[in-house]
Amino acid sequence: MKDIANRKDIELMVDSFYGSIREDELLGPIFNGVVKDNWPKHLDTMYRFWQTVLLHEFAYKGSPFVPHRKLPLEAHHFERWLYHFNTSMDKNFSGKIAENAKWRAQKMAEMFMYKLSTNSF
C-alpha cells in the first residue's frame, strides 16, 4: 500500500471513511440526518479540510468543531468514529502521512469530546 500523496488519495480516504459512517447503525442516522442530500458538498469540505491538514495545500478555511457543537455526540460516538477512520485508513494507506492522519483524527476526537463535555464553545 502507498501513503497519502495527493488530492486523489484524500478523496479515496474521505469517501472510504464516510461510506462506512453512512452505513453505521450508530453514526449513520446522525450524519445522514444532518447532511441529508448535501453529501457532495460535505465530502468536498472534508476533502479540502484533509488536503489542508495533511498535504499543507491551503484549501480549507473555518473551524471543524462549529458544525458539530449541537450534535448529540458522546464518547461512544467518537470511539466508533475513530474505529471507522482507522479501519478505512489501514485498508487503503500505509506510511507517515497516513499515520499522521490517524493521530490527527484521535486528537480531533479528544478535543471535540472535551469541548462538548465542558461546553467550551
N, C-alpha and C. Protein backbone atom coordinates (compact mmCIF):
# COMPACT_ATOMS: atom_id res chain seq x y z
N MET A 1 0.84 -1.19 0.00
CA MET A 1 0.00 0.00 0.00
C MET A 1 0.88 1.25 0.00
N LYS A 2 0.30 2.30 -0.52
CA LYS A 2 1.05 3.55 -0.60
C LYS A 2 0.54 4.54 0.43
N ASP A 3 1.31 5.57 0.63
CA ASP A 3 0.95 6.64 1.55
C ASP A 3 0.04 7.64 0.82
N ILE A 4 -0.53 8.54 1.57
CA ILE A 4 -1.34 9.62 1.03
C ILE A 4 -0.40 10.64 0.40
N ALA A 5 -0.63 10.97 -0.87
CA ALA A 5 0.30 11.85 -1.56
C ALA A 5 -0.36 13.01 -2.29
N ASN A 6 -1.67 12.93 -2.56
CA ASN A 6 -2.29 13.97 -3.38
C ASN A 6 -3.79 14.04 -3.10
N ARG A 7 -4.46 14.95 -3.79
CA ARG A 7 -5.89 15.17 -3.60
C ARG A 7 -6.69 13.90 -3.91
N LYS A 8 -6.28 13.16 -4.93
CA LYS A 8 -6.99 11.92 -5.27
C LYS A 8 -6.95 10.94 -4.10
N ASP A 9 -5.81 10.85 -3.42
CA ASP A 9 -5.70 9.99 -2.24
C ASP A 9 -6.60 10.50 -1.11
N ILE A 10 -6.64 11.80 -0.93
CA ILE A 10 -7.52 12.40 0.09
C ILE A 10 -8.97 12.02 -0.22
N GLU A 11 -9.37 12.10 -1.47
CA GLU A 11 -10.74 11.76 -1.85
C GLU A 11 -11.04 10.29 -1.54
N LEU A 12 -10.10 9.40 -1.83
CA LEU A 12 -10.28 7.98 -1.50
C LEU A 12 -10.41 7.81 0.01
N MET A 13 -9.57 8.47 0.76
CA MET A 13 -9.60 8.40 2.22
C MET A 13 -10.96 8.84 2.75
N VAL A 14 -11.42 10.00 2.33
CA VAL A 14 -12.68 10.57 2.81
C VAL A 14 -13.87 9.73 2.34
N ASP A 15 -13.89 9.34 1.07
CA ASP A 15 -15.01 8.55 0.55
C ASP A 15 -15.12 7.20 1.25
N SER A 16 -13.99 6.56 1.49
CA SER A 16 -13.99 5.26 2.17
C SER A 16 -14.51 5.41 3.60
N PHE A 17 -14.01 6.40 4.28
CA PHE A 17 -14.41 6.64 5.67
C PHE A 17 -15.89 6.98 5.77
N TYR A 18 -16.34 7.97 5.01
CA TYR A 18 -17.74 8.37 5.12
C TYR A 18 -18.69 7.33 4.54
N GLY A 19 -18.22 6.50 3.62
CA GLY A 19 -19.05 5.38 3.15
C GLY A 19 -19.40 4.46 4.31
N SER A 20 -18.43 4.18 5.17
CA SER A 20 -18.70 3.31 6.32
C SER A 20 -19.52 4.03 7.39
N ILE A 21 -19.29 5.32 7.56
CA ILE A 21 -20.07 6.10 8.54
C ILE A 21 -21.54 6.12 8.15
N ARG A 22 -21.81 6.33 6.87
CA ARG A 22 -23.20 6.43 6.40
C ARG A 22 -23.97 5.13 6.62
N GLU A 23 -23.26 4.00 6.62
CA GLU A 23 -23.90 2.69 6.80
C GLU A 23 -23.94 2.24 8.26
N ASP A 24 -23.24 2.92 9.14
CA ASP A 24 -23.15 2.50 10.54
C ASP A 24 -24.47 2.75 11.26
N GLU A 25 -24.90 1.76 12.06
CA GLU A 25 -26.20 1.88 12.73
C GLU A 25 -26.21 2.94 13.83
N LEU A 26 -25.07 3.27 14.40
CA LEU A 26 -25.00 4.31 15.43
C LEU A 26 -24.79 5.69 14.82
N LEU A 27 -23.81 5.80 13.93
CA LEU A 27 -23.44 7.10 13.37
C LEU A 27 -24.23 7.50 12.13
N GLY A 28 -24.64 6.52 11.35
CA GLY A 28 -25.36 6.80 10.11
C GLY A 28 -26.57 7.70 10.29
N PRO A 29 -27.46 7.37 11.23
CA PRO A 29 -28.64 8.23 11.41
C PRO A 29 -28.29 9.67 11.79
N ILE A 30 -27.23 9.86 12.56
CA ILE A 30 -26.84 11.22 12.95
C ILE A 30 -26.31 11.98 11.74
N PHE A 31 -25.33 11.40 11.05
CA PHE A 31 -24.73 12.09 9.90
C PHE A 31 -25.73 12.25 8.76
N ASN A 32 -26.46 11.18 8.44
CA ASN A 32 -27.43 11.27 7.34
C ASN A 32 -28.55 12.26 7.68
N GLY A 33 -28.92 12.33 8.97
CA GLY A 33 -29.96 13.26 9.38
C GLY A 33 -29.54 14.72 9.27
N VAL A 34 -28.26 14.98 9.50
CA VAL A 34 -27.77 16.36 9.42
C VAL A 34 -27.39 16.72 7.99
N VAL A 35 -26.66 15.85 7.33
CA VAL A 35 -26.16 16.16 5.98
C VAL A 35 -27.28 16.08 4.94
N LYS A 36 -28.23 15.17 5.15
CA LYS A 36 -29.36 14.96 4.23
C LYS A 36 -28.88 14.71 2.80
N ASP A 37 -29.32 15.52 1.80
CA ASP A 37 -28.88 15.30 0.41
C ASP A 37 -27.64 16.13 0.06
N ASN A 38 -27.00 16.70 1.05
CA ASN A 38 -25.84 17.55 0.79
C ASN A 38 -24.51 16.81 0.92
N TRP A 39 -24.52 15.50 0.69
CA TRP A 39 -23.28 14.74 0.81
C TRP A 39 -22.18 15.23 -0.13
N PRO A 40 -22.48 15.55 -1.39
CA PRO A 40 -21.38 16.05 -2.24
C PRO A 40 -20.70 17.29 -1.66
N LYS A 41 -21.48 18.22 -1.14
CA LYS A 41 -20.91 19.43 -0.55
C LYS A 41 -20.11 19.09 0.71
N HIS A 42 -20.67 18.23 1.56
CA HIS A 42 -19.98 17.84 2.79
C HIS A 42 -18.66 17.13 2.46
N LEU A 43 -18.71 16.21 1.52
CA LEU A 43 -17.49 15.48 1.15
C LEU A 43 -16.44 16.44 0.58
N ASP A 44 -16.86 17.40 -0.22
CA ASP A 44 -15.90 18.37 -0.76
C ASP A 44 -15.25 19.17 0.37
N THR A 45 -16.04 19.54 1.37
CA THR A 45 -15.48 20.26 2.52
C THR A 45 -14.46 19.38 3.23
N MET A 46 -14.78 18.10 3.38
CA MET A 46 -13.84 17.18 4.04
C MET A 46 -12.58 16.96 3.20
N TYR A 47 -12.72 16.91 1.88
CA TYR A 47 -11.54 16.81 1.02
C TYR A 47 -10.62 18.00 1.27
N ARG A 48 -11.23 19.19 1.28
CA ARG A 48 -10.44 20.42 1.45
C ARG A 48 -9.81 20.48 2.84
N PHE A 49 -10.56 20.04 3.86
CA PHE A 49 -10.03 20.04 5.22
C PHE A 49 -8.78 19.15 5.31
N TRP A 50 -8.92 17.90 4.87
CA TRP A 50 -7.79 16.97 4.98
C TRP A 50 -6.66 17.33 4.03
N GLN A 51 -6.97 17.90 2.91
CA GLN A 51 -5.94 18.38 1.97
C GLN A 51 -5.09 19.45 2.66
N THR A 52 -5.74 20.33 3.39
CA THR A 52 -5.03 21.38 4.12
C THR A 52 -4.20 20.79 5.26
N VAL A 53 -4.81 19.91 6.04
CA VAL A 53 -4.15 19.36 7.22
C VAL A 53 -2.98 18.44 6.85
N LEU A 54 -3.19 17.57 5.88
CA LEU A 54 -2.18 16.54 5.59
C LEU A 54 -1.18 16.93 4.51
N LEU A 55 -1.64 17.68 3.52
CA LEU A 55 -0.76 18.00 2.39
C LEU A 55 -0.27 19.44 2.42
N HIS A 56 -0.74 20.20 3.39
CA HIS A 56 -0.36 21.62 3.53
C HIS A 56 -0.69 22.42 2.27
N GLU A 57 -1.77 22.03 1.61
CA GLU A 57 -2.30 22.77 0.46
C GLU A 57 -3.53 23.49 0.99
N PHE A 58 -3.44 24.77 1.19
CA PHE A 58 -4.45 25.51 1.93
C PHE A 58 -5.74 25.69 1.13
N ALA A 59 -6.64 24.72 1.32
CA ALA A 59 -7.89 24.69 0.59
C ALA A 59 -9.10 24.86 1.51
N TYR A 60 -8.89 24.83 2.81
CA TYR A 60 -9.99 24.87 3.79
C TYR A 60 -9.80 26.06 4.72
N LYS A 61 -10.91 26.73 4.97
CA LYS A 61 -10.95 27.79 5.99
C LYS A 61 -12.15 27.49 6.87
N GLY A 62 -11.99 27.72 8.14
CA GLY A 62 -13.10 27.52 9.05
C GLY A 62 -12.68 26.76 10.28
N SER A 63 -13.66 26.43 11.08
CA SER A 63 -13.44 25.67 12.31
C SER A 63 -14.19 24.36 12.21
N PRO A 64 -13.50 23.24 12.25
CA PRO A 64 -14.20 21.96 12.11
C PRO A 64 -15.16 21.67 13.26
N PHE A 65 -14.94 22.28 14.43
CA PHE A 65 -15.80 21.99 15.57
C PHE A 65 -17.19 22.62 15.43
N VAL A 66 -17.27 23.81 14.90
CA VAL A 66 -18.52 24.57 14.89
C VAL A 66 -19.72 23.77 14.36
N PRO A 67 -19.62 23.09 13.22
CA PRO A 67 -20.81 22.36 12.74
C PRO A 67 -21.21 21.18 13.62
N HIS A 68 -20.34 20.76 14.52
CA HIS A 68 -20.61 19.58 15.34
C HIS A 68 -21.10 19.91 16.75
N ARG A 69 -21.02 21.16 17.13
CA ARG A 69 -21.25 21.51 18.54
C ARG A 69 -22.67 21.25 19.03
N LYS A 70 -23.64 21.19 18.15
CA LYS A 70 -25.02 20.97 18.59
C LYS A 70 -25.49 19.54 18.35
N LEU A 71 -24.60 18.67 17.91
CA LEU A 71 -24.98 17.28 17.66
C LEU A 71 -25.00 16.49 18.96
N PRO A 72 -25.88 15.48 19.03
CA PRO A 72 -25.97 14.66 20.25
C PRO A 72 -24.86 13.61 20.29
N LEU A 73 -23.63 14.06 20.53
CA LEU A 73 -22.48 13.16 20.49
C LEU A 73 -21.90 12.95 21.87
N GLU A 74 -21.54 11.68 22.13
CA GLU A 74 -20.91 11.30 23.38
C GLU A 74 -19.67 10.47 23.06
N ALA A 75 -18.96 10.06 24.10
CA ALA A 75 -17.70 9.35 23.92
C ALA A 75 -17.84 8.13 23.02
N HIS A 76 -18.91 7.35 23.17
CA HIS A 76 -19.05 6.14 22.35
C HIS A 76 -19.22 6.47 20.86
N HIS A 77 -19.76 7.63 20.55
CA HIS A 77 -19.85 8.05 19.15
C HIS A 77 -18.46 8.31 18.58
N PHE A 78 -17.61 8.96 19.36
CA PHE A 78 -16.25 9.25 18.90
C PHE A 78 -15.41 7.98 18.79
N GLU A 79 -15.64 7.04 19.71
CA GLU A 79 -14.93 5.76 19.61
C GLU A 79 -15.28 5.05 18.31
N ARG A 80 -16.56 5.06 17.96
CA ARG A 80 -16.99 4.42 16.72
C ARG A 80 -16.46 5.17 15.52
N TRP A 81 -16.47 6.50 15.57
CA TRP A 81 -15.94 7.35 14.51
C TRP A 81 -14.47 7.03 14.27
N LEU A 82 -13.71 6.93 15.35
CA LEU A 82 -12.28 6.61 15.23
C LEU A 82 -12.07 5.20 14.70
N TYR A 83 -12.91 4.27 15.12
CA TYR A 83 -12.81 2.90 14.59
C TYR A 83 -12.94 2.92 13.07
N HIS A 84 -13.96 3.59 12.56
CA HIS A 84 -14.17 3.67 11.11
C HIS A 84 -13.03 4.42 10.43
N PHE A 85 -12.56 5.49 11.04
CA PHE A 85 -11.47 6.25 10.44
C PHE A 85 -10.22 5.38 10.32
N ASN A 86 -9.83 4.77 11.42
CA ASN A 86 -8.61 3.96 11.42
C ASN A 86 -8.73 2.74 10.52
N THR A 87 -9.89 2.11 10.51
CA THR A 87 -10.10 0.94 9.65
C THR A 87 -9.98 1.32 8.18
N SER A 88 -10.61 2.42 7.79
CA SER A 88 -10.54 2.81 6.38
C SER A 88 -9.13 3.29 6.01
N MET A 89 -8.43 3.91 6.95
CA MET A 89 -7.04 4.30 6.68
C MET A 89 -6.17 3.06 6.47
N ASP A 90 -6.28 2.09 7.39
CA ASP A 90 -5.45 0.89 7.31
C ASP A 90 -5.77 0.05 6.07
N LYS A 91 -7.01 0.12 5.61
CA LYS A 91 -7.42 -0.62 4.42
C LYS A 91 -6.83 -0.02 3.14
N ASN A 92 -6.59 1.29 3.14
CA ASN A 92 -6.21 1.98 1.91
C ASN A 92 -4.79 2.55 1.87
N PHE A 93 -4.19 2.80 3.02
CA PHE A 93 -2.91 3.52 3.04
C PHE A 93 -1.96 2.99 4.09
N SER A 94 -0.70 3.27 3.86
CA SER A 94 0.35 2.95 4.82
C SER A 94 1.46 3.97 4.64
N GLY A 95 1.95 4.53 5.73
CA GLY A 95 3.04 5.48 5.63
C GLY A 95 2.93 6.61 6.63
N LYS A 96 3.87 7.51 6.55
CA LYS A 96 3.99 8.61 7.50
C LYS A 96 2.77 9.53 7.50
N ILE A 97 2.28 9.89 6.33
CA ILE A 97 1.13 10.80 6.26
C ILE A 97 -0.13 10.09 6.74
N ALA A 98 -0.29 8.82 6.40
CA ALA A 98 -1.44 8.04 6.87
C ALA A 98 -1.43 7.95 8.40
N GLU A 99 -0.27 7.71 8.98
CA GLU A 99 -0.17 7.66 10.44
C GLU A 99 -0.46 9.04 11.05
N ASN A 100 0.00 10.09 10.39
CA ASN A 100 -0.30 11.45 10.84
C ASN A 100 -1.81 11.70 10.82
N ALA A 101 -2.48 11.22 9.79
CA ALA A 101 -3.94 11.39 9.69
C ALA A 101 -4.63 10.71 10.87
N LYS A 102 -4.21 9.50 11.20
CA LYS A 102 -4.82 8.78 12.33
C LYS A 102 -4.55 9.51 13.65
N TRP A 103 -3.34 10.02 13.82
CA TRP A 103 -3.01 10.78 15.03
C TRP A 103 -3.86 12.03 15.12
N ARG A 104 -3.99 12.75 14.00
CA ARG A 104 -4.79 13.98 13.99
C ARG A 104 -6.26 13.68 14.26
N ALA A 105 -6.79 12.61 13.71
CA ALA A 105 -8.18 12.23 13.96
C ALA A 105 -8.39 11.94 15.45
N GLN A 106 -7.43 11.24 16.06
CA GLN A 106 -7.51 10.96 17.50
C GLN A 106 -7.53 12.25 18.31
N LYS A 107 -6.63 13.17 17.99
CA LYS A 107 -6.57 14.44 18.70
C LYS A 107 -7.83 15.27 18.49
N MET A 108 -8.37 15.23 17.28
CA MET A 108 -9.60 15.97 16.98
C MET A 108 -10.76 15.39 17.80
N ALA A 109 -10.85 14.08 17.88
CA ALA A 109 -11.91 13.45 18.67
C ALA A 109 -11.78 13.84 20.14
N GLU A 110 -10.56 13.82 20.66
CA GLU A 110 -10.34 14.22 22.05
C GLU A 110 -10.75 15.67 22.29
N MET A 111 -10.39 16.55 21.37
CA MET A 111 -10.72 17.96 21.51
C MET A 111 -12.24 18.17 21.42
N PHE A 112 -12.90 17.51 20.47
CA PHE A 112 -14.35 17.65 20.34
C PHE A 112 -15.04 17.14 21.62
N MET A 113 -14.61 15.97 22.12
CA MET A 113 -15.23 15.42 23.33
C MET A 113 -15.04 16.38 24.51
N TYR A 114 -13.85 16.93 24.64
CA TYR A 114 -13.59 17.86 25.73
C TYR A 114 -14.50 19.09 25.62
N LYS A 115 -14.56 19.68 24.44
CA LYS A 115 -15.37 20.88 24.25
C LYS A 115 -16.85 20.59 24.50
N LEU A 116 -17.33 19.45 24.03
CA LEU A 116 -18.73 19.10 24.22
C LEU A 116 -19.04 18.82 25.70
N SER A 117 -18.11 18.17 26.39
CA SER A 117 -18.37 17.81 27.79
C SER A 117 -18.26 19.00 28.73
N THR A 118 -17.53 20.02 28.33
CA THR A 118 -17.36 21.19 29.20
C THR A 118 -18.09 22.42 28.68
N ASN A 119 -18.82 22.23 27.57
CA ASN A 119 -19.49 23.36 26.92
C ASN A 119 -18.51 24.50 26.63
N SER A 120 -17.32 24.12 26.17
CA SER A 120 -16.26 25.10 25.88
C SER A 120 -16.33 25.55 24.43
N PHE A 121 -17.40 26.18 24.07
CA PHE A 121 -17.53 26.69 22.71
C PHE A 121 -18.25 27.94 22.74
